[in-house]
């Protein structure tokens, strides 16, 4: 059996390579930073020996208003 990854959270924003995180909090902090760009974000978590889809944030037009990322997270 393969050794589990150190980073058990993975976030893919748009067409960029997935970025790994050790904690769920850090993964969602990364999502909050990138949601205002309007790109689609997908969060995966490592469970039972494989990557599973945890949450998706659909692509939306850029929202540069105050608290835009928090509003978008609340909508999803």
N, C-alpha and C. Protein backbone atom coordinates (compact mmCIF):
# COMPACT_ATOMS: atom_id res chain seq x y z
N UNK A 1 0.84 -1.19 0.00
CA UNK A 1 0.00 0.00 0.00
C UNK A 1 0.88 1.25 0.00
N UNK A 2 0.49 2.23 -0.78
CA UNK A 2 1.27 3.47 -0.87
C UNK A 2 1.11 4.29 0.39
N UNK A 3 2.15 5.03 0.68
CA UNK A 3 2.13 5.93 1.83
C UNK A 3 1.19 7.10 1.52
N UNK A 4 0.34 7.51 2.48
CA UNK A 4 -0.57 8.64 2.22
C UNK A 4 0.22 9.95 2.07
N UNK A 5 -0.34 10.90 1.33
CA UNK A 5 0.37 12.17 1.13
C UNK A 5 0.44 12.99 2.42
N UNK A 6 1.47 13.80 2.52
CA UNK A 6 1.61 14.69 3.66
C UNK A 6 0.53 15.76 3.63
N UNK A 7 0.27 16.28 2.44
CA UNK A 7 -0.76 17.30 2.26
C UNK A 7 -2.07 16.61 1.89
N UNK A 8 -3.00 16.56 2.83
CA UNK A 8 -4.24 15.82 2.61
C UNK A 8 -5.37 16.65 2.01
N UNK A 9 -5.06 17.89 1.67
CA UNK A 9 -6.03 18.78 1.01
C UNK A 9 -5.40 19.29 -0.26
N UNK A 10 -6.17 19.34 -1.34
CA UNK A 10 -5.65 19.79 -2.63
C UNK A 10 -6.67 20.72 -3.26
N UNK A 11 -6.19 21.87 -3.76
CA UNK A 11 -7.06 22.87 -4.38
C UNK A 11 -6.57 23.13 -5.80
N UNK A 12 -7.50 23.10 -6.74
CA UNK A 12 -7.18 23.42 -8.13
C UNK A 12 -8.02 24.64 -8.51
N UNK A 13 -7.36 25.70 -8.94
CA UNK A 13 -8.02 26.93 -9.34
C UNK A 13 -7.79 27.13 -10.83
N UNK A 14 -8.89 27.17 -11.59
CA UNK A 14 -8.79 27.35 -13.03
C UNK A 14 -7.99 26.23 -13.67
N UNK A 15 -7.05 26.60 -14.56
CA UNK A 15 -6.23 25.62 -15.27
C UNK A 15 -4.88 25.37 -14.60
N UNK A 16 -4.65 25.98 -13.46
CA UNK A 16 -3.37 25.85 -12.77
C UNK A 16 -3.22 24.44 -12.18
N UNK A 17 -1.98 24.05 -11.91
CA UNK A 17 -1.71 22.77 -11.26
C UNK A 17 -2.30 22.79 -9.85
N UNK A 18 -2.79 21.66 -9.35
CA UNK A 18 -3.32 21.61 -7.98
C UNK A 18 -2.25 21.96 -6.96
N UNK A 19 -2.65 22.61 -5.89
CA UNK A 19 -1.74 23.00 -4.81
C UNK A 19 -2.16 22.24 -3.56
N UNK A 20 -1.19 21.63 -2.87
CA UNK A 20 -1.47 20.83 -1.69
C UNK A 20 -1.35 21.61 -0.39
N UNK A 21 -2.15 21.21 0.60
CA UNK A 21 -2.16 21.85 1.92
C UNK A 21 -2.28 20.78 2.99
N UNK A 22 -1.68 21.04 4.13
CA UNK A 22 -1.77 20.10 5.25
C UNK A 22 -3.08 20.23 6.01
N UNK A 23 -3.69 21.41 5.98
CA UNK A 23 -4.92 21.61 6.76
C UNK A 23 -6.05 22.13 5.88
N UNK A 24 -7.26 21.83 6.32
CA UNK A 24 -8.46 22.32 5.63
C UNK A 24 -8.51 23.84 5.69
N UNK A 25 -8.14 24.42 6.82
CA UNK A 25 -8.16 25.88 6.97
C UNK A 25 -7.27 26.57 5.94
N UNK A 26 -6.06 26.05 5.75
CA UNK A 26 -5.14 26.65 4.78
C UNK A 26 -5.67 26.49 3.35
N UNK A 27 -6.29 25.35 3.07
CA UNK A 27 -6.85 25.13 1.74
C UNK A 27 -7.95 26.16 1.45
N UNK A 28 -8.83 26.38 2.41
CA UNK A 28 -9.92 27.33 2.19
C UNK A 28 -9.45 28.78 2.24
N UNK A 29 -8.37 29.05 2.93
CA UNK A 29 -7.77 30.38 2.88
C UNK A 29 -7.29 30.66 1.46
N UNK A 30 -6.68 29.66 0.83
CA UNK A 30 -6.23 29.77 -0.56
C UNK A 30 -7.42 29.99 -1.50
N UNK A 31 -8.51 29.26 -1.27
CA UNK A 31 -9.73 29.43 -2.08
C UNK A 31 -10.24 30.86 -1.94
N UNK A 32 -10.33 31.37 -0.71
CA UNK A 32 -10.81 32.75 -0.49
C UNK A 32 -9.95 33.78 -1.21
N UNK A 33 -8.65 33.55 -1.26
CA UNK A 33 -7.75 34.48 -1.95
C UNK A 33 -7.97 34.47 -3.46
N UNK A 34 -8.37 33.34 -4.03
CA UNK A 34 -8.46 33.22 -5.48
C UNK A 34 -9.88 33.33 -6.04
N UNK A 35 -10.90 33.25 -5.22
CA UNK A 35 -12.27 33.37 -5.73
C UNK A 35 -12.57 34.71 -6.38
N UNK A 36 -12.05 35.81 -5.86
CA UNK A 36 -12.35 37.09 -6.52
C UNK A 36 -11.88 37.16 -7.97
N UNK A 37 -10.96 36.29 -8.38
CA UNK A 37 -10.48 36.30 -9.77
C UNK A 37 -11.54 35.75 -10.72
N UNK A 38 -12.56 35.07 -10.18
CA UNK A 38 -13.63 34.53 -11.00
C UNK A 38 -13.37 33.12 -11.52
N UNK A 39 -12.21 32.55 -11.21
CA UNK A 39 -11.88 31.21 -11.69
C UNK A 39 -12.61 30.14 -10.87
N UNK A 40 -12.84 29.00 -11.50
CA UNK A 40 -13.47 27.87 -10.82
C UNK A 40 -12.45 27.24 -9.87
N UNK A 41 -12.88 26.89 -8.66
CA UNK A 41 -12.01 26.26 -7.68
C UNK A 41 -12.61 24.92 -7.28
N UNK A 42 -11.75 23.91 -7.17
CA UNK A 42 -12.18 22.57 -6.76
C UNK A 42 -11.30 22.13 -5.60
N UNK A 43 -11.93 21.66 -4.51
CA UNK A 43 -11.22 21.22 -3.32
C UNK A 43 -11.36 19.70 -3.22
N UNK A 44 -10.22 19.01 -3.07
CA UNK A 44 -10.21 17.56 -2.87
C UNK A 44 -9.58 17.24 -1.52
N UNK A 45 -10.02 16.14 -0.92
CA UNK A 45 -9.40 15.69 0.33
C UNK A 45 -9.00 14.22 0.17
N UNK A 46 -7.95 13.83 0.89
CA UNK A 46 -7.46 12.46 0.86
C UNK A 46 -8.20 11.66 1.92
N UNK A 47 -8.98 10.67 1.49
CA UNK A 47 -9.72 9.82 2.41
C UNK A 47 -9.74 8.39 1.90
N UNK A 48 -9.55 7.45 2.79
CA UNK A 48 -9.63 6.02 2.46
C UNK A 48 -8.72 5.63 1.29
N UNK A 49 -7.55 6.23 1.24
CA UNK A 49 -6.57 5.85 0.24
C UNK A 49 -6.74 6.45 -1.15
N UNK A 50 -7.58 7.48 -1.27
CA UNK A 50 -7.74 8.11 -2.58
C UNK A 50 -8.19 9.56 -2.42
N UNK A 51 -8.05 10.33 -3.52
CA UNK A 51 -8.51 11.70 -3.54
C UNK A 51 -10.01 11.71 -3.82
N UNK A 52 -10.76 12.41 -3.01
CA UNK A 52 -12.20 12.53 -3.22
C UNK A 52 -12.60 14.00 -3.33
N UNK A 53 -13.60 14.26 -4.13
CA UNK A 53 -14.11 15.63 -4.28
C UNK A 53 -14.73 16.07 -2.97
N UNK A 54 -14.32 17.22 -2.48
CA UNK A 54 -14.85 17.75 -1.23
C UNK A 54 -15.83 18.88 -1.50
N UNK A 55 -15.44 19.81 -2.38
CA UNK A 55 -16.33 20.94 -2.70
C UNK A 55 -15.88 21.62 -3.99
N UNK A 56 -16.85 22.18 -4.71
CA UNK A 56 -16.58 22.92 -5.94
C UNK A 56 -17.16 24.33 -5.82
N UNK A 57 -16.44 25.28 -6.38
CA UNK A 57 -16.90 26.66 -6.46
C UNK A 57 -16.91 27.02 -7.94
N UNK A 58 -18.08 27.26 -8.50
CA UNK A 58 -18.21 27.53 -9.92
C UNK A 58 -17.59 28.85 -10.31
N UNK A 59 -17.17 28.90 -11.59
CA UNK A 59 -16.59 30.12 -12.14
C UNK A 59 -17.63 31.22 -12.14
N UNK A 60 -17.24 32.38 -11.70
CA UNK A 60 -18.13 33.54 -11.64
C UNK A 60 -17.37 34.76 -12.13
N UNK A 61 -18.10 35.75 -12.63
CA UNK A 61 -17.41 36.97 -13.04
C UNK A 61 -16.71 37.61 -11.84
N UNK A 62 -15.59 38.27 -12.07
CA UNK A 62 -14.88 38.91 -10.97
C UNK A 62 -15.78 39.88 -10.20
N UNK A 63 -15.64 39.85 -8.88
CA UNK A 63 -16.38 40.74 -7.99
C UNK A 63 -15.34 41.44 -7.13
N UNK A 64 -15.12 42.71 -7.41
CA UNK A 64 -14.07 43.44 -6.71
C UNK A 64 -14.58 44.18 -5.48
N UNK A 65 -15.85 44.00 -5.14
CA UNK A 65 -16.42 44.71 -4.00
C UNK A 65 -15.85 44.21 -2.68
N UNK A 66 -16.09 44.97 -1.64
CA UNK A 66 -15.63 44.60 -0.31
C UNK A 66 -16.28 43.29 0.11
N UNK A 67 -15.52 42.42 0.73
CA UNK A 67 -16.00 41.13 1.22
C UNK A 67 -16.52 40.22 0.11
N UNK A 68 -16.02 40.35 -1.09
CA UNK A 68 -16.50 39.55 -2.23
C UNK A 68 -16.27 38.06 -2.01
N UNK A 69 -15.10 37.67 -1.54
CA UNK A 69 -14.80 36.25 -1.35
C UNK A 69 -15.70 35.64 -0.29
N UNK A 70 -15.94 36.37 0.80
CA UNK A 70 -16.81 35.86 1.85
C UNK A 70 -18.24 35.67 1.36
N UNK A 71 -18.72 36.59 0.52
CA UNK A 71 -20.08 36.45 -0.04
C UNK A 71 -20.16 35.23 -0.93
N UNK A 72 -19.13 35.03 -1.75
CA UNK A 72 -19.14 33.90 -2.68
C UNK A 72 -19.07 32.58 -1.91
N UNK A 73 -18.28 32.51 -0.85
CA UNK A 73 -18.22 31.30 -0.04
C UNK A 73 -19.58 31.03 0.61
N UNK A 74 -20.26 32.06 1.05
CA UNK A 74 -21.58 31.90 1.68
C UNK A 74 -22.60 31.40 0.66
N UNK A 75 -22.46 31.79 -0.60
CA UNK A 75 -23.40 31.36 -1.64
C UNK A 75 -23.23 29.88 -1.98
N UNK A 76 -22.02 29.37 -1.81
CA UNK A 76 -21.78 27.96 -2.15
C UNK A 76 -22.02 27.15 -0.94
